[in-house]
């Protein structure tokens, strides 16, 4: 491949990954054409893009995009980059679910300036997603408010119970007389 063609491909990778702050690096070798199309279709439904890249060109693109930590992810073997979706955790979970039917191997991940190795990238599957974490924070924030409201309302309930008991006694006394 000539230098001009390599430069064009590197520029295309730069434009494709400019602005992307997180992605997964996968190895999908051994997947036939049908499985590849099924994989791409499932990921397209989740608004995830996958791109097969040449390691040397991707390293040059990462260097020019000031993502030098990501350069170590593109060293050996076939690399496919997956990006998009709601979050990197959701993407990892989706790919893990797909990997039960289609052989996908996690090679690493890049998250906002930090490169993760294969084990850490696979660990993203066990993390909570952004939406789950936001739900936990809201639940924790509401918990003290609920206790405060019940503490404020408890004495009123006790007083209401006493008044009702007195009213019932008065009614039974009036009925007996």
N, C-alpha and C. Protein backbone atom coordinates (compact mmCIF):
# COMPACT_ATOMS: atom_id res chain seq x y z
N UNK A 1 0.85 -1.16 0.00
CA UNK A 1 0.00 0.00 0.00
C UNK A 1 0.90 1.24 0.00
N UNK A 2 0.59 2.19 -0.84
CA UNK A 2 1.43 3.39 -0.95
C UNK A 2 1.22 4.31 0.26
N UNK A 3 2.17 5.22 0.44
CA UNK A 3 2.08 6.15 1.57
C UNK A 3 0.85 7.03 1.48
N UNK A 4 0.49 7.43 0.26
CA UNK A 4 -0.68 8.29 0.10
C UNK A 4 -1.96 7.57 0.53
N UNK A 5 -2.08 6.31 0.15
CA UNK A 5 -3.26 5.53 0.52
C UNK A 5 -3.30 5.34 2.04
N UNK A 6 -2.15 5.02 2.62
CA UNK A 6 -2.09 4.86 4.08
C UNK A 6 -2.47 6.16 4.78
N UNK A 7 -1.99 7.28 4.24
CA UNK A 7 -2.31 8.58 4.84
C UNK A 7 -3.81 8.87 4.73
N UNK A 8 -4.40 8.54 3.59
CA UNK A 8 -5.84 8.73 3.42
C UNK A 8 -6.64 7.89 4.42
N UNK A 9 -6.23 6.64 4.58
CA UNK A 9 -6.92 5.76 5.53
C UNK A 9 -6.74 6.24 6.97
N UNK A 10 -5.54 6.72 7.29
CA UNK A 10 -5.29 7.26 8.63
C UNK A 10 -6.14 8.50 8.88
N UNK A 11 -6.24 9.37 7.87
CA UNK A 11 -7.07 10.56 8.00
C UNK A 11 -8.54 10.20 8.20
N UNK A 12 -8.98 9.16 7.50
CA UNK A 12 -10.37 8.70 7.66
C UNK A 12 -10.61 8.20 9.08
N UNK A 13 -9.64 7.45 9.63
CA UNK A 13 -9.77 6.98 11.01
C UNK A 13 -9.78 8.15 11.99
N UNK A 14 -8.96 9.15 11.71
CA UNK A 14 -8.93 10.34 12.57
C UNK A 14 -10.29 11.02 12.60
N UNK A 15 -10.88 11.20 11.43
CA UNK A 15 -12.18 11.87 11.38
C UNK A 15 -13.27 11.01 12.01
N UNK A 16 -13.15 9.69 11.87
CA UNK A 16 -14.16 8.79 12.41
C UNK A 16 -14.12 8.75 13.95
N UNK A 17 -12.91 8.85 14.53
CA UNK A 17 -12.77 8.72 15.98
C UNK A 17 -12.55 10.06 16.68
N UNK A 18 -12.61 11.15 15.94
CA UNK A 18 -12.49 12.46 16.56
C UNK A 18 -13.75 12.74 17.38
N UNK A 19 -13.60 13.04 18.63
CA UNK A 19 -14.73 13.31 19.50
C UNK A 19 -15.23 12.10 20.26
N UNK A 20 -14.74 10.93 19.94
CA UNK A 20 -15.14 9.72 20.67
C UNK A 20 -14.23 9.60 21.89
N UNK A 21 -14.82 9.53 23.06
CA UNK A 21 -14.06 9.50 24.31
C UNK A 21 -13.93 8.10 24.89
N UNK A 22 -14.73 7.16 24.39
CA UNK A 22 -14.68 5.81 24.94
C UNK A 22 -15.02 4.79 23.85
N UNK A 23 -14.25 3.70 23.85
CA UNK A 23 -14.51 2.62 22.90
C UNK A 23 -13.92 1.33 23.43
N UNK A 24 -14.39 0.23 22.86
CA UNK A 24 -13.88 -1.10 23.18
C UNK A 24 -13.09 -1.62 21.99
N UNK A 25 -12.02 -2.34 22.27
CA UNK A 25 -11.23 -2.99 21.23
C UNK A 25 -11.51 -4.48 21.33
N UNK A 26 -11.91 -5.06 20.21
CA UNK A 26 -12.34 -6.46 20.17
C UNK A 26 -11.52 -7.24 19.17
N UNK A 27 -11.55 -8.55 19.33
CA UNK A 27 -10.99 -9.47 18.35
C UNK A 27 -12.14 -10.34 17.87
N UNK A 28 -12.47 -10.20 16.59
CA UNK A 28 -13.59 -10.99 16.05
C UNK A 28 -13.10 -11.94 14.96
N UNK A 29 -11.83 -12.35 15.05
CA UNK A 29 -11.32 -13.29 14.06
C UNK A 29 -12.05 -14.62 14.19
N UNK A 30 -12.24 -15.26 13.08
CA UNK A 30 -12.92 -16.54 13.07
C UNK A 30 -14.42 -16.43 12.87
N UNK A 31 -14.93 -15.22 12.77
CA UNK A 31 -16.36 -15.04 12.53
C UNK A 31 -16.59 -15.06 11.02
N UNK A 32 -17.54 -15.87 10.59
CA UNK A 32 -17.84 -15.92 9.16
C UNK A 32 -18.69 -14.71 8.75
N UNK A 33 -18.95 -14.58 7.49
CA UNK A 33 -19.67 -13.43 6.96
C UNK A 33 -21.07 -13.28 7.51
N UNK A 34 -21.77 -14.39 7.66
CA UNK A 34 -23.15 -14.34 8.16
C UNK A 34 -23.17 -13.86 9.60
N UNK A 35 -22.28 -14.42 10.43
CA UNK A 35 -22.21 -14.01 11.84
C UNK A 35 -21.78 -12.55 11.95
N UNK A 36 -20.89 -12.13 11.06
CA UNK A 36 -20.44 -10.73 11.06
C UNK A 36 -21.60 -9.80 10.76
N UNK A 37 -22.41 -10.16 9.76
CA UNK A 37 -23.58 -9.34 9.43
C UNK A 37 -24.60 -9.32 10.57
N UNK A 38 -24.80 -10.47 11.22
CA UNK A 38 -25.72 -10.52 12.36
C UNK A 38 -25.21 -9.64 13.50
N UNK A 39 -23.91 -9.70 13.75
CA UNK A 39 -23.30 -8.87 14.79
C UNK A 39 -23.50 -7.40 14.50
N UNK A 40 -23.20 -7.00 13.28
CA UNK A 40 -23.35 -5.59 12.91
C UNK A 40 -24.81 -5.14 12.98
N UNK A 41 -25.73 -6.02 12.59
CA UNK A 41 -27.15 -5.67 12.63
C UNK A 41 -27.63 -5.47 14.07
N UNK A 42 -27.23 -6.39 14.97
CA UNK A 42 -27.62 -6.26 16.38
C UNK A 42 -27.05 -4.99 16.99
N UNK A 43 -25.81 -4.67 16.65
CA UNK A 43 -25.19 -3.48 17.20
C UNK A 43 -25.76 -2.20 16.59
N UNK A 44 -26.14 -2.26 15.33
CA UNK A 44 -26.74 -1.09 14.67
C UNK A 44 -28.05 -0.72 15.35
N UNK A 45 -28.82 -1.72 15.80
CA UNK A 45 -30.07 -1.46 16.52
C UNK A 45 -29.82 -0.70 17.81
N UNK A 46 -28.65 -0.92 18.42
CA UNK A 46 -28.29 -0.25 19.67
C UNK A 46 -27.48 1.03 19.43
N UNK A 47 -27.39 1.44 18.16
CA UNK A 47 -26.64 2.64 17.76
C UNK A 47 -25.15 2.51 18.10
N UNK A 48 -24.61 1.33 17.85
CA UNK A 48 -23.20 1.04 18.07
C UNK A 48 -22.55 0.82 16.72
N UNK A 49 -21.38 1.42 16.54
CA UNK A 49 -20.63 1.24 15.30
C UNK A 49 -19.40 0.40 15.58
N UNK A 50 -19.11 -0.54 14.68
CA UNK A 50 -17.87 -1.29 14.79
C UNK A 50 -17.06 -1.07 13.52
N UNK A 51 -15.76 -0.95 13.72
CA UNK A 51 -14.86 -0.67 12.61
C UNK A 51 -13.64 -1.57 12.72
N UNK A 52 -13.36 -2.31 11.67
CA UNK A 52 -12.14 -3.12 11.60
C UNK A 52 -11.01 -2.17 11.22
N UNK A 53 -9.91 -2.21 11.98
CA UNK A 53 -8.82 -1.26 11.75
C UNK A 53 -7.49 -1.98 11.59
N UNK A 54 -6.59 -1.32 10.88
CA UNK A 54 -5.20 -1.78 10.83
C UNK A 54 -4.48 -1.14 12.01
N UNK A 55 -3.72 -1.94 12.73
CA UNK A 55 -3.11 -1.47 13.96
C UNK A 55 -2.21 -0.26 13.77
N UNK A 56 -1.32 -0.31 12.79
CA UNK A 56 -0.37 0.80 12.59
C UNK A 56 -1.11 2.09 12.26
N UNK A 57 -2.10 2.00 11.41
CA UNK A 57 -2.86 3.20 11.04
C UNK A 57 -3.66 3.74 12.23
N UNK A 58 -4.20 2.84 13.03
CA UNK A 58 -4.97 3.28 14.19
C UNK A 58 -4.04 3.92 15.22
N UNK A 59 -2.84 3.39 15.38
CA UNK A 59 -1.88 4.02 16.30
C UNK A 59 -1.55 5.43 15.85
N UNK A 60 -1.34 5.63 14.55
CA UNK A 60 -1.07 6.98 14.03
C UNK A 60 -2.27 7.90 14.25
N UNK A 61 -3.47 7.38 14.02
CA UNK A 61 -4.68 8.18 14.22
C UNK A 61 -4.84 8.56 15.69
N UNK A 62 -4.59 7.61 16.59
CA UNK A 62 -4.71 7.89 18.03
C UNK A 62 -3.67 8.92 18.47
N UNK A 63 -2.48 8.81 17.91
CA UNK A 63 -1.41 9.77 18.26
C UNK A 63 -1.80 11.17 17.82
N UNK A 64 -2.34 11.30 16.62
CA UNK A 64 -2.71 12.63 16.12
C UNK A 64 -3.93 13.20 16.85
N UNK A 65 -4.76 12.33 17.46
CA UNK A 65 -5.93 12.77 18.22
C UNK A 65 -5.60 12.96 19.71
N UNK A 66 -4.32 12.88 20.06
CA UNK A 66 -3.86 13.01 21.45
C UNK A 66 -4.47 11.95 22.36
N UNK A 67 -4.66 10.76 21.83
CA UNK A 67 -5.13 9.62 22.62
C UNK A 67 -3.98 8.62 22.73
N UNK A 68 -2.85 9.08 23.22
CA UNK A 68 -1.64 8.25 23.23
C UNK A 68 -1.80 7.01 24.10
N UNK A 69 -2.61 7.07 25.14
CA UNK A 69 -2.82 5.89 25.99
C UNK A 69 -3.48 4.76 25.20
N UNK A 70 -4.27 5.11 24.21
CA UNK A 70 -4.98 4.09 23.41
C UNK A 70 -4.06 3.40 22.42
N UNK A 71 -2.90 3.97 22.16
CA UNK A 71 -2.00 3.38 21.16
C UNK A 71 -1.56 1.97 21.55
N UNK A 72 -1.44 1.69 22.85
CA UNK A 72 -1.00 0.38 23.30
C UNK A 72 -2.04 -0.72 23.06
N UNK A 73 -3.27 -0.33 22.79
CA UNK A 73 -4.32 -1.32 22.54
C UNK A 73 -4.21 -1.93 21.15
N UNK A 74 -3.49 -1.25 20.26
CA UNK A 74 -3.41 -1.69 18.87
C UNK A 74 -1.99 -2.17 18.56
N UNK A 75 -1.62 -3.29 19.15
CA UNK A 75 -0.26 -3.80 19.01
C UNK A 75 -0.21 -5.01 18.09
N UNK A 76 -0.97 -6.03 18.41
CA UNK A 76 -0.86 -7.27 17.64
C UNK A 76 -2.24 -7.85 17.38
N UNK A 77 -2.33 -8.58 16.30
CA UNK A 77 -3.57 -9.27 15.98
C UNK A 77 -4.61 -8.37 15.35
N UNK A 78 -5.69 -8.97 15.00
CA UNK A 78 -6.81 -8.26 14.38
C UNK A 78 -7.54 -7.45 15.43
N UNK A 79 -7.83 -6.20 15.10
CA UNK A 79 -8.54 -5.32 16.04
C UNK A 79 -9.79 -4.74 15.40
N UNK A 80 -10.86 -4.78 16.15
CA UNK A 80 -12.11 -4.16 15.75
C UNK A 80 -12.50 -3.20 16.87
N UNK A 81 -12.88 -2.00 16.51
CA UNK A 81 -13.23 -0.98 17.50
C UNK A 81 -14.75 -0.82 17.52
N UNK A 82 -15.32 -0.89 18.72
CA UNK A 82 -16.76 -0.70 18.92
C UNK A 82 -16.97 0.56 19.74
N UNK A 83 -17.83 1.44 19.23
CA UNK A 83 -18.11 2.69 19.95
C UNK A 83 -19.57 3.06 19.75
N UNK A 84 -20.06 3.91 20.65
CA UNK A 84 -21.43 4.37 20.55
C UNK A 84 -22.29 3.78 21.65
N UNK A 85 -23.58 3.82 21.45
CA UNK A 85 -24.50 3.34 22.48
C UNK A 85 -24.66 4.35 23.58
N UNK A 86 -25.36 3.95 24.63
CA UNK A 86 -25.63 4.86 25.75
C UNK A 86 -24.39 5.11 26.59
N UNK A 87 -23.64 4.06 26.90
CA UNK A 87 -22.42 4.20 27.68
C UNK A 87 -21.51 3.02 27.38
N UNK A 88 -20.27 3.14 27.81
CA UNK A 88 -19.30 2.07 27.57
C UNK A 88 -19.70 0.80 28.33
N UNK A 89 -20.33 0.96 29.49
CA UNK A 89 -20.76 -0.20 30.28
C UNK A 89 -21.90 -0.92 29.56
N UNK A 90 -22.86 -0.17 29.04
CA UNK A 90 -23.95 -0.78 28.28
C UNK A 90 -23.42 -1.48 27.03
N UNK A 91 -22.43 -0.87 26.39
CA UNK A 91 -21.81 -1.46 25.21
C UNK A 91 -21.13 -2.77 25.57
N UNK A 92 -20.38 -2.78 26.68
CA UNK A 92 -19.70 -4.00 27.11
C UNK A 92 -20.70 -5.10 27.45
N UNK A 93 -21.79 -4.73 28.11
CA UNK A 93 -22.81 -5.72 28.46
C UNK A 93 -23.46 -6.30 27.21
N UNK A 94 -23.74 -5.45 26.24
CA UNK A 94 -24.35 -5.90 24.99
C UNK A 94 -23.42 -6.85 24.25
N UNK A 95 -22.15 -6.49 24.16
CA UNK A 95 -21.18 -7.34 23.47
C UNK A 95 -20.97 -8.65 24.21
N UNK A 96 -21.01 -8.62 25.53
CA UNK A 96 -20.87 -9.85 26.30
C UNK A 96 -22.06 -10.77 26.04
N UNK A 97 -23.25 -10.21 25.96
CA UNK A 97 -24.44 -11.02 25.66
C UNK A 97 -24.34 -11.63 24.26
N UNK A 98 -23.86 -10.84 23.31
CA UNK A 98 -23.72 -11.34 21.94
C UNK A 98 -22.63 -12.40 21.86
N UNK A 99 -21.59 -12.27 22.71
CA UNK A 99 -20.46 -13.20 22.64
C UNK A 99 -20.84 -14.62 23.03
N UNK A 100 -22.02 -14.80 23.61
CA UNK A 100 -22.47 -16.16 23.92
C UNK A 100 -22.85 -16.92 22.65
N UNK A 101 -23.24 -16.18 21.60
CA UNK A 101 -23.62 -16.81 20.34
C UNK A 101 -22.55 -16.64 19.27
N UNK A 102 -21.84 -15.52 19.31
CA UNK A 102 -20.82 -15.21 18.31
C UNK A 102 -19.49 -15.02 19.05
N UNK A 103 -18.43 -15.69 18.61
CA UNK A 103 -17.15 -15.59 19.34
C UNK A 103 -16.51 -14.20 19.23
N UNK A 104 -16.64 -13.42 20.31
CA UNK A 104 -16.03 -12.09 20.40
C UNK A 104 -15.09 -12.11 21.59
N UNK A 105 -13.91 -11.56 21.41
CA UNK A 105 -12.94 -11.50 22.51
C UNK A 105 -12.62 -10.04 22.80
N UNK A 106 -12.73 -9.64 24.07
CA UNK A 106 -12.36 -8.29 24.48
C UNK A 106 -10.83 -8.20 24.50
N UNK A 107 -10.29 -7.16 23.88
CA UNK A 107 -8.84 -6.95 23.90
C UNK A 107 -8.46 -5.77 24.78
N UNK A 108 -9.40 -4.87 25.01
CA UNK A 108 -9.13 -3.70 25.84
C UNK A 108 -10.21 -2.66 25.66
N UNK A 109 -10.01 -1.54 26.34
CA UNK A 109 -10.97 -0.44 26.25
C UNK A 109 -10.23 0.87 26.47
N UNK A 110 -10.83 1.94 25.98
CA UNK A 110 -10.31 3.29 26.19
C UNK A 110 -11.45 4.12 26.73
N UNK A 111 -11.24 4.69 27.92
CA UNK A 111 -12.28 5.49 28.56
C UNK A 111 -11.68 6.80 29.01
N UNK A 112 -12.05 7.88 28.33
CA UNK A 112 -11.66 9.24 28.68
C UNK A 112 -10.21 9.37 29.11
N UNK A 113 -9.30 8.96 28.25
CA UNK A 113 -7.88 9.14 28.50
C UNK A 113 -7.18 7.98 29.16
N UNK A 114 -7.90 6.93 29.50
CA UNK A 114 -7.31 5.79 30.18
C UNK A 114 -7.53 4.53 29.35
N UNK A 115 -6.45 3.79 29.15
CA UNK A 115 -6.54 2.52 28.43
C UNK A 115 -6.69 1.40 29.44
N UNK A 116 -7.60 0.49 29.18
CA UNK A 116 -7.83 -0.67 30.04
C UNK A 116 -7.38 -1.93 29.32
N UNK A 117 -6.79 -2.86 30.07
CA UNK A 117 -6.37 -4.11 29.46
C UNK A 117 -7.58 -5.03 29.27
N UNK A 118 -7.31 -6.22 28.78
CA UNK A 118 -8.38 -7.18 28.47
C UNK A 118 -9.23 -7.51 29.69
N UNK A 119 -8.58 -7.76 30.82
CA UNK A 119 -9.30 -8.14 32.04
C UNK A 119 -10.18 -6.99 32.54
N UNK A 120 -9.65 -5.78 32.54
CA UNK A 120 -10.43 -4.62 33.00
C UNK A 120 -11.58 -4.32 32.04
N UNK A 121 -11.35 -4.50 30.74
CA UNK A 121 -12.41 -4.27 29.76
C UNK A 121 -13.54 -5.28 29.97
N UNK A 122 -13.18 -6.52 30.25
CA UNK A 122 -14.19 -7.55 30.52
C UNK A 122 -14.92 -7.23 31.83
N UNK A 123 -14.23 -6.59 32.77
CA UNK A 123 -14.83 -6.21 34.05
C UNK A 123 -15.91 -5.14 33.92
N UNK A 124 -15.91 -4.41 32.81
CA UNK A 124 -16.96 -3.40 32.59
C UNK A 124 -18.34 -4.03 32.56
N UNK A 125 -18.40 -5.30 32.19
CA UNK A 125 -19.68 -6.01 32.11
C UNK A 125 -20.35 -6.07 33.48
N UNK A 126 -19.55 -6.16 34.55
CA UNK A 126 -20.09 -6.31 35.90
C UNK A 126 -20.39 -4.98 36.58
N UNK A 127 -20.04 -3.87 35.94
CA UNK A 127 -20.29 -2.56 36.53
C UNK A 127 -21.73 -2.13 36.29
N UNK A 128 -22.19 -1.20 37.12
CA UNK A 128 -23.52 -0.64 36.91
C UNK A 128 -23.43 0.43 35.83
N UNK A 129 -24.49 0.54 35.07
CA UNK A 129 -24.54 1.56 34.02
C UNK A 129 -24.80 2.92 34.64
N UNK A 130 -24.66 3.95 33.84
CA UNK A 130 -24.88 5.32 34.31
C UNK A 130 -26.31 5.49 34.83
N UNK A 131 -27.28 4.94 34.13
CA UNK A 131 -28.68 5.06 34.54
C UNK A 131 -28.92 4.36 35.88
N UNK A 132 -28.31 3.18 36.07
CA UNK A 132 -28.45 2.46 37.34
C UNK A 132 -27.83 3.24 38.49
N UNK A 133 -26.66 3.84 38.25
CA UNK A 133 -26.00 4.64 39.28
C UNK A 133 -26.82 5.88 39.63
N UNK A 134 -27.40 6.52 38.63
CA UNK A 134 -28.25 7.68 38.89
C UNK A 134 -29.47 7.28 39.72
N UNK A 135 -30.04 6.14 39.44
CA UNK A 135 -31.17 5.64 40.22
C UNK A 135 -30.78 5.39 41.67
N UNK A 136 -29.59 4.81 41.88
CA UNK A 136 -29.11 4.58 43.24
C UNK A 136 -28.92 5.88 44.00
N UNK A 137 -28.36 6.89 43.33
CA UNK A 137 -28.15 8.19 43.97
C UNK A 137 -29.49 8.82 44.36
N UNK A 138 -30.46 8.75 43.47
CA UNK A 138 -31.78 9.32 43.76
C UNK A 138 -32.43 8.58 44.93
N UNK A 139 -32.30 7.25 44.93
CA UNK A 139 -32.88 6.47 46.02
C UNK A 139 -32.22 6.85 47.35
N UNK A 140 -30.90 6.99 47.35
CA UNK A 140 -30.20 7.36 48.58
C UNK A 140 -30.56 8.77 49.03
N UNK A 141 -30.77 9.66 48.08
CA UNK A 141 -31.15 11.04 48.43
C UNK A 141 -32.56 11.08 48.99
N UNK A 142 -33.45 10.26 48.49
CA UNK A 142 -34.84 10.24 48.96
C UNK A 142 -35.00 9.53 50.29
N UNK A 143 -34.11 8.64 50.62
CA UNK A 143 -34.22 7.85 51.84
C UNK A 143 -34.31 8.72 53.10
N UNK A 144 -33.41 9.68 53.34
CA UNK A 144 -33.54 10.52 54.54
C UNK A 144 -34.81 11.36 54.53
N UNK A 145 -35.24 11.81 53.36
CA UNK A 145 -36.46 12.61 53.27
C UNK A 145 -37.68 11.79 53.70
N UNK A 146 -37.72 10.52 53.31
CA UNK A 146 -38.84 9.66 53.70
C UNK A 146 -38.86 9.45 55.20
N UNK A 147 -37.68 9.24 55.78
CA UNK A 147 -37.61 9.04 57.23
C UNK A 147 -38.03 10.30 57.97
N UNK A 148 -37.63 11.46 57.47
CA UNK A 148 -38.00 12.73 58.09
C UNK A 148 -39.51 12.93 58.03
N UNK A 149 -40.10 12.65 56.88
CA UNK A 149 -41.55 12.81 56.72
C UNK A 149 -42.30 11.87 57.65
N UNK A 150 -41.84 10.64 57.78
CA UNK A 150 -42.52 9.70 58.68
C UNK A 150 -42.32 10.10 60.14
N UNK A 151 -41.16 10.67 60.48
CA UNK A 151 -40.93 11.12 61.86
C UNK A 151 -41.82 12.31 62.19
N UNK A 152 -42.02 13.19 61.23
CA UNK A 152 -42.89 14.35 61.45
C UNK A 152 -44.34 13.91 61.55
N UNK A 153 -44.75 12.96 60.75
CA UNK A 153 -46.14 12.51 60.73
C UNK A 153 -46.50 11.56 61.87
N UNK A 154 -45.53 10.92 62.50
CA UNK A 154 -45.81 9.92 63.53
C UNK A 154 -46.54 10.51 64.75
N UNK A 155 -46.10 11.63 65.34
CA UNK A 155 -46.83 12.18 66.50
C UNK A 155 -48.28 12.54 66.16
N UNK A 156 -48.50 13.06 64.98
CA UNK A 156 -49.87 13.40 64.57
C UNK A 156 -50.73 12.15 64.52
N UNK A 157 -50.18 11.06 64.05
CA UNK A 157 -50.91 9.79 64.00
C UNK A 157 -51.24 9.28 65.39
N UNK A 158 -50.31 9.44 66.32
CA UNK A 158 -50.55 9.01 67.70
C UNK A 158 -51.67 9.83 68.32
N UNK A 159 -51.61 11.15 68.13
CA UNK A 159 -52.65 12.03 68.68
C UNK A 159 -54.01 11.70 68.06
N UNK A 160 -54.04 11.46 66.76
CA UNK A 160 -55.30 11.11 66.09
C UNK A 160 -55.85 9.81 66.65
N UNK A 161 -54.97 8.85 66.93
CA UNK A 161 -55.41 7.57 67.51
C UNK A 161 -56.01 7.76 68.89
N UNK A 162 -55.39 8.62 69.70
CA UNK A 162 -55.91 8.90 71.05
C UNK A 162 -57.28 9.56 70.98
N UNK A 163 -57.42 10.54 70.10
CA UNK A 163 -58.70 11.24 69.94
C UNK A 163 -59.78 10.27 69.49
N UNK A 164 -59.46 9.38 68.58
CA UNK A 164 -60.44 8.40 68.09
C UNK A 164 -60.85 7.46 69.22
N UNK A 165 -59.89 7.04 70.03
CA UNK A 165 -60.21 6.16 71.15
C UNK A 165 -61.15 6.85 72.14
N UNK A 166 -60.85 8.11 72.44
CA UNK A 166 -61.72 8.87 73.35
C UNK A 166 -63.12 9.04 72.75
N UNK A 167 -63.20 9.30 71.46
CA UNK A 167 -64.49 9.47 70.80
C UNK A 167 -65.27 8.16 70.83
N UNK A 168 -64.58 7.03 70.62
CA UNK A 168 -65.25 5.72 70.66
C UNK A 168 -65.78 5.43 72.07
N UNK A 169 -65.00 5.77 73.09
CA UNK A 169 -65.43 5.54 74.47
C UNK A 169 -66.66 6.39 74.79
N UNK A 170 -66.65 7.61 74.29
CA UNK A 170 -67.77 8.52 74.54
C UNK A 170 -69.03 7.99 73.85
N UNK A 171 -68.89 7.46 72.65
CA UNK A 171 -70.03 6.91 71.91
C UNK A 171 -70.59 5.69 72.63
N UNK A 172 -69.72 4.81 73.09
CA UNK A 172 -70.19 3.61 73.79
C UNK A 172 -70.85 3.97 75.11
N UNK A 173 -70.34 5.01 75.78
CA UNK A 173 -70.94 5.45 77.05
C UNK A 173 -72.31 6.07 76.78
N UNK A 174 -72.45 6.82 75.70
CA UNK A 174 -73.72 7.45 75.35
C UNK A 174 -74.73 6.39 74.93
N UNK A 175 -74.28 5.36 74.26
CA UNK A 175 -75.17 4.30 73.81
C UNK A 175 -75.64 3.47 75.00
N UNK A 176 -74.80 3.31 76.00
CA UNK A 176 -75.15 2.51 77.18
C UNK A 176 -76.12 3.27 78.08
N UNK A 177 -76.08 4.58 78.02
CA UNK A 177 -76.94 5.36 78.91
C UNK A 177 -78.29 5.55 78.35
